[in-house]
Amino acid sequence: MIIKMIHFFKIFTLTFFLFTFSDVIENQQYIQSFVDLTEVVKWSGYISYFSVLLPLCLFLLNRSKFTKESLYILGILLCVTAAFHLVSYLLVESGVSNLPLTNFYLLIQFLLISWMYKDLLKKRNTEFIKIPVMVFIGVFIINTVFGQGLFILQSFTNTMSSIMLVYFSISYFNRIKRLPYKLNNDFTPGKDVKFKTLHFINMAVFLYFVIDFLLFTVIPLFLNPLSEQSAYYIDVFNNTANSMKNIWFAIGLYWAGRID
């Protein structure tokens, strides 16, 4: 039952984002007439920034109960994300571009999440994680030196990152979805908590990076050239997706904290 509910929520969330975004684009002139888009972007950004504090607090409160290395890696990612948001905000307020910092953060985020999946999938051959990670690092270096550089958002490496992390997430989902059957459908409280913890964390990665791929790779193909208004909408939806990702992380860490 829980697997069917999770499948339904994945489909509902992605469908909701797609239809809502397309409706917003179609009616952007009407929306702009009574909404200050810059204010919407600003406040959605603030919510996105502060949303990381929820899973970070749960990690700090429950870390003594964690036994899996992957949960500590997630905690490191949350700490790095909180620091990134703070420094990024200070740079923007000082009139300094935060794009070099953003590009390096995207690299670190990719490496930490890949490391997390390497731990989660350690009983399998993890070459399919190691090789993409090495390829990604090489592409990032080449793109930085000879391609887009650091002072614009590296769209190519961002797209690669999203595709690879969705792939890792699906690979792990295909493994964990068999967990109830491996347990003969008999969930003890401890096994139930482990199942929920891993599902919610994996779901956060899957949903966020699918939406990220759609917002920054697919949609711009149909909105070329990208108008300033459309860019605002993409920022708002990205901030919303980031907040949702942190809520899913928080739910996973909440269940992880209930492991006795």
Protein backbone atom coordinates (compact mmCIF):
# COMPACT_ATOMS: atom_id res chain seq x y z
CA MET A 1 0.00 0.00 0.00
CA ILE A 2 2.73 2.48 0.94
CA ILE A 3 4.56 1.85 -2.37
CA LYS A 4 1.39 2.61 -4.36
CA MET A 5 0.90 5.81 -2.38
CA ILE A 6 4.49 6.88 -3.07
CA HIS A 7 4.12 6.14 -6.79
CA PHE A 8 0.92 8.21 -6.86
CA PHE A 9 2.56 11.12 -5.05
CA LYS A 10 5.52 11.14 -7.46
CA ILE A 11 3.22 11.27 -10.48
CA PHE A 12 0.92 13.85 -8.86
CA THR A 13 3.80 16.15 -7.88
CA LEU A 14 5.46 16.13 -11.30
CA THR A 15 2.11 16.56 -13.09
CA PHE A 16 1.17 19.42 -10.80
CA PHE A 17 4.44 21.23 -11.48
CA LEU A 18 4.18 20.78 -15.24
CA PHE A 19 0.56 21.92 -15.56
CA THR A 20 0.97 24.78 -13.08
CA PHE A 21 4.07 26.06 -14.83
CA SER A 22 2.49 25.84 -18.29
CA ASP A 23 -0.62 27.65 -17.02
CA VAL A 24 1.53 30.39 -15.47
CA ILE A 25 3.46 30.90 -18.72
CA GLU A 26 0.25 31.13 -20.73
CA ASN A 27 -1.20 33.75 -18.38
CA GLN A 28 1.98 35.61 -17.46
CA GLN A 29 0.74 38.98 -18.75
CA TYR A 30 -2.39 38.72 -16.61
CA ILE A 31 -0.43 37.58 -13.55
CA GLN A 32 2.11 40.38 -13.91
CA SER A 33 -0.69 42.95 -13.82
CA PHE A 34 -1.33 42.33 -10.11
CA VAL A 35 1.78 40.49 -8.85
CA ASP A 36 5.25 41.96 -8.32
CA LEU A 37 7.36 39.10 -9.65
CA THR A 38 10.56 40.38 -8.06
CA GLU A 39 8.93 40.22 -4.64
CA VAL A 40 7.64 36.70 -5.30
CA VAL A 41 11.12 35.58 -6.33
CA LYS A 42 12.67 37.24 -3.28
CA TRP A 43 10.30 35.72 -0.72
CA SER A 44 10.26 32.28 -2.33
CA GLY A 45 14.06 32.47 -2.17
CA TYR A 46 13.97 33.31 1.54
CA ILE A 47 11.64 30.37 2.21
CA SER A 48 13.94 28.12 0.18
CA TYR A 49 17.00 29.33 2.12
CA PHE A 50 15.43 28.81 5.55
CA SER A 51 13.77 25.49 4.66
CA VAL A 52 17.15 23.74 4.96
CA LEU A 53 17.13 24.49 8.69
CA LEU A 54 14.28 22.00 9.25
CA PRO A 55 16.13 18.84 8.12
CA LEU A 56 19.40 20.23 9.52
CA CYS A 57 17.88 20.60 13.00
CA LEU A 58 16.43 17.08 12.83
CA PHE A 59 19.83 15.74 11.79
CA LEU A 60 21.58 17.47 14.70
CA LEU A 61 18.94 16.27 17.18
CA ASN A 62 18.91 12.65 16.01
CA ARG A 63 22.46 12.05 14.79
CA SER A 64 23.38 9.92 17.80
CA LYS A 65 20.80 7.34 16.68
CA PHE A 66 22.07 7.02 13.10
CA THR A 67 23.94 3.89 12.10
CA LYS A 68 24.15 4.38 8.33
CA GLU A 69 27.00 6.41 6.85
CA SER A 70 24.63 7.77 4.20
CA LEU A 71 22.67 9.71 6.84
CA TYR A 72 25.85 11.43 8.04
CA ILE A 73 26.69 12.28 4.42
CA LEU A 74 23.23 13.82 4.11
CA GLY A 75 23.97 15.82 7.26
CA ILE A 76 27.20 17.12 5.70
CA LEU A 77 25.22 18.12 2.59
CA LEU A 78 22.70 20.02 4.73
CA CYS A 79 25.50 21.87 6.56
CA VAL A 80 27.18 22.77 3.25
CA THR A 81 23.83 23.91 1.83
CA ALA A 82 23.09 26.14 4.82
CA ALA A 83 26.56 27.69 4.60
CA PHE A 84 26.17 28.18 0.84
CA HIS A 85 22.84 29.98 1.25
CA LEU A 86 24.31 32.30 3.89
CA VAL A 87 27.45 33.19 1.93
CA SER A 88 25.49 33.49 -1.31
CA TYR A 89 23.06 35.93 0.30
CA LEU A 90 25.91 38.03 1.70
CA LEU A 91 27.62 38.15 -1.71
CA VAL A 92 24.46 39.28 -3.48
CA GLU A 93 23.75 41.92 -0.84
CA SER A 94 27.33 43.18 -1.32
CA GLY A 95 26.86 43.44 -5.07
CA VAL A 96 29.22 40.53 -5.81
CA SER A 97 28.26 37.73 -8.20
CA ASN A 98 27.46 34.46 -6.43
CA LEU A 99 27.67 32.39 -9.63
CA PRO A 100 31.23 31.04 -9.07
CA LEU A 101 30.14 29.92 -5.60
CA THR A 102 26.93 28.43 -7.03
CA ASN A 103 28.83 26.39 -9.63
CA PHE A 104 31.19 24.99 -6.99
CA TYR A 105 28.23 24.25 -4.72
CA LEU A 106 26.53 22.27 -7.50
CA LEU A 107 29.74 20.25 -7.88
CA ILE A 108 29.98 19.57 -4.14
CA GLN A 109 26.27 18.72 -3.95
CA PHE A 110 26.66 16.19 -6.77
CA LEU A 111 29.70 14.58 -5.14
CA LEU A 112 28.04 14.29 -1.71
CA ILE A 113 24.79 12.83 -3.04
CA SER A 114 26.76 10.39 -5.22
CA TRP A 115 28.78 9.40 -2.13
CA MET A 116 25.49 8.87 -0.28
CA TYR A 117 24.21 6.51 -2.97
CA LYS A 118 27.55 4.71 -3.09
CA ASP A 119 27.00 3.88 0.58
CA LEU A 120 23.35 2.92 0.07
CA LEU A 121 24.27 0.62 -2.83
CA LYS A 122 27.50 -0.72 -1.35
CA LYS A 123 26.34 -4.33 -1.60
CA ARG A 124 26.20 -3.97 -5.37
CA ASN A 125 28.86 -3.22 -7.97
CA THR A 126 29.19 0.56 -7.56
CA GLU A 127 31.26 1.13 -10.70
CA PHE A 128 28.15 2.60 -12.30
CA ILE A 129 28.45 5.40 -9.72
CA LYS A 130 32.23 5.81 -9.69
CA ILE A 131 32.55 6.12 -13.47
CA PRO A 132 29.83 8.80 -13.89
CA VAL A 133 31.35 10.76 -11.00
CA MET A 134 34.80 10.76 -12.63
CA VAL A 135 33.27 11.74 -15.98
CA PHE A 136 31.32 14.56 -14.33
CA ILE A 137 34.41 15.96 -12.59
CA GLY A 138 36.31 15.88 -15.88
CA VAL A 139 33.49 17.63 -17.73
CA PHE A 140 33.19 20.24 -14.97
CA ILE A 141 36.91 21.06 -15.21
CA ILE A 142 36.84 21.24 -19.01
CA ASN A 143 33.67 23.34 -19.03
CA THR A 144 35.17 25.69 -16.44
CA VAL A 145 38.49 26.16 -18.23
CA PHE A 146 37.45 26.05 -21.88
CA GLY A 147 33.66 26.42 -21.89
CA GLN A 148 31.15 28.37 -19.86
CA GLY A 149 33.52 29.33 -17.05
CA LEU A 150 32.45 30.17 -13.51
CA PHE A 151 30.68 33.49 -13.99
CA ILE A 152 27.55 32.05 -15.59
CA LEU A 153 25.48 29.12 -14.36
CA GLN A 154 26.97 26.04 -15.98
CA SER A 155 23.84 24.73 -17.68
CA PHE A 156 25.57 21.74 -19.29
CA THR A 157 27.07 20.35 -16.08
CA ASN A 158 23.86 21.14 -14.19
CA THR A 159 21.93 19.05 -16.72
CA MET A 160 24.45 16.19 -16.40
CA SER A 161 24.19 16.35 -12.62
CA SER A 162 20.38 16.15 -12.66
CA ILE A 163 20.32 13.21 -15.08
CA MET A 164 22.92 11.23 -13.12
CA LEU A 165 21.31 11.83 -9.73
CA VAL A 166 17.87 10.85 -11.03
CA TYR A 167 19.48 7.69 -12.41
CA PHE A 168 21.05 6.90 -9.02
CA SER A 169 17.72 7.55 -7.32
CA ILE A 170 15.80 5.25 -9.67
CA SER A 171 18.47 2.56 -9.23
CA TYR A 172 18.07 2.71 -5.48
CA PHE A 173 14.29 2.90 -5.67
CA ASN A 174 14.27 -0.31 -7.74
CA ARG A 175 16.19 -1.93 -4.91
CA ILE A 176 14.31 -0.61 -1.90
CA LYS A 177 10.85 -1.14 -3.37
CA ARG A 178 11.46 -4.90 -2.99
CA LEU A 179 12.18 -4.52 0.72
CA PRO A 180 8.63 -5.39 1.94
CA TYR A 181 8.65 -8.61 -0.09
CA LYS A 182 12.10 -9.56 1.17
CA LEU A 183 10.68 -9.20 4.66
CA ASN A 184 7.68 -11.38 3.77
CA ASN A 185 5.41 -8.37 4.23
CA ASP A 186 6.03 -8.56 7.97
CA PHE A 187 7.27 -5.14 9.07
CA THR A 188 8.58 -4.89 12.58
CA PRO A 189 8.60 -1.28 13.86
CA GLY A 190 12.36 -1.04 13.24
CA LYS A 191 12.16 -2.35 9.68
CA ASP A 192 9.20 -0.08 8.96
CA VAL A 193 11.18 2.97 10.12
CA LYS A 194 14.15 2.03 7.93
CA PHE A 195 11.86 1.61 4.92
CA LYS A 196 10.22 5.02 5.44
CA THR A 197 13.54 6.77 6.12
CA LEU A 198 15.18 5.58 2.91
CA HIS A 199 12.10 6.07 0.77
CA PHE A 200 11.55 9.68 1.82
CA ILE A 201 15.21 10.65 1.37
CA ASN A 202 15.37 8.93 -2.00
CA MET A 203 12.09 10.58 -2.99
CA ALA A 204 13.51 14.01 -2.17
CA VAL A 205 16.43 13.46 -4.53
CA PHE A 206 14.26 12.04 -7.29
CA LEU A 207 11.57 14.73 -7.30
CA TYR A 208 13.92 17.70 -6.94
CA PHE A 209 16.30 16.74 -9.72
CA VAL A 210 13.54 15.71 -12.12
CA ILE A 211 11.97 19.14 -11.60
CA ASP A 212 15.39 20.79 -11.86
CA PHE A 213 15.97 19.04 -15.20
CA LEU A 214 12.58 20.15 -16.49
CA LEU A 215 13.02 23.77 -15.34
CA PHE A 216 16.58 24.37 -16.50
CA THR A 217 16.90 22.02 -19.48
CA VAL A 218 13.57 21.08 -21.05
CA ILE A 219 11.44 24.22 -20.58
CA PRO A 220 14.10 26.69 -21.87
CA LEU A 221 14.13 24.74 -25.15
CA PHE A 222 10.52 25.80 -25.72
CA LEU A 223 10.99 29.36 -24.41
CA ASN A 224 13.98 30.40 -26.47
CA PRO A 225 14.86 33.20 -26.09
CA LEU A 226 13.97 33.10 -22.41
CA SER A 227 12.13 36.26 -21.36
CA GLU A 228 12.80 38.00 -18.07
CA GLN A 229 9.32 37.08 -16.83
CA SER A 230 9.81 33.40 -17.66
CA ALA A 231 13.16 33.45 -15.85
CA TYR A 232 11.37 34.80 -12.75
CA TYR A 233 8.83 31.98 -12.92
CA ILE A 234 11.58 29.39 -13.24
CA ASP A 235 13.28 30.85 -10.14
CA VAL A 236 10.03 30.69 -8.16
CA PHE A 237 9.34 27.09 -9.14
CA ASN A 238 12.93 26.10 -8.43
CA ASN A 239 12.76 27.71 -4.98
CA THR A 240 9.49 25.88 -4.32
CA ALA A 241 10.99 22.56 -5.42
CA ASN A 242 14.00 23.13 -3.18
CA SER A 243 11.72 23.79 -0.21
CA MET A 244 9.81 20.58 -0.96
CA LYS A 245 13.08 18.65 -1.18
CA ASN A 246 14.09 19.87 2.27
CA ILE A 247 10.68 18.91 3.68
CA TRP A 248 11.11 15.38 2.30
CA PHE A 249 14.61 15.22 3.77
CA ALA A 250 13.14 16.33 7.09
CA ILE A 251 10.49 13.60 7.01
CA GLY A 252 13.15 10.98 6.28
CA LEU A 253 15.36 12.22 9.11
CA TYR A 254 12.37 12.31 11.45
CA TRP A 255 11.77 8.61 10.83
CA ALA A 256 15.49 7.89 11.10
CA GLY A 257 15.42 9.48 14.54
CA ARG A 258 12.81 6.97 15.67
CA ILE A 259 15.18 4.02 15.23
CA ASP A 260 15.83 2.54 18.68
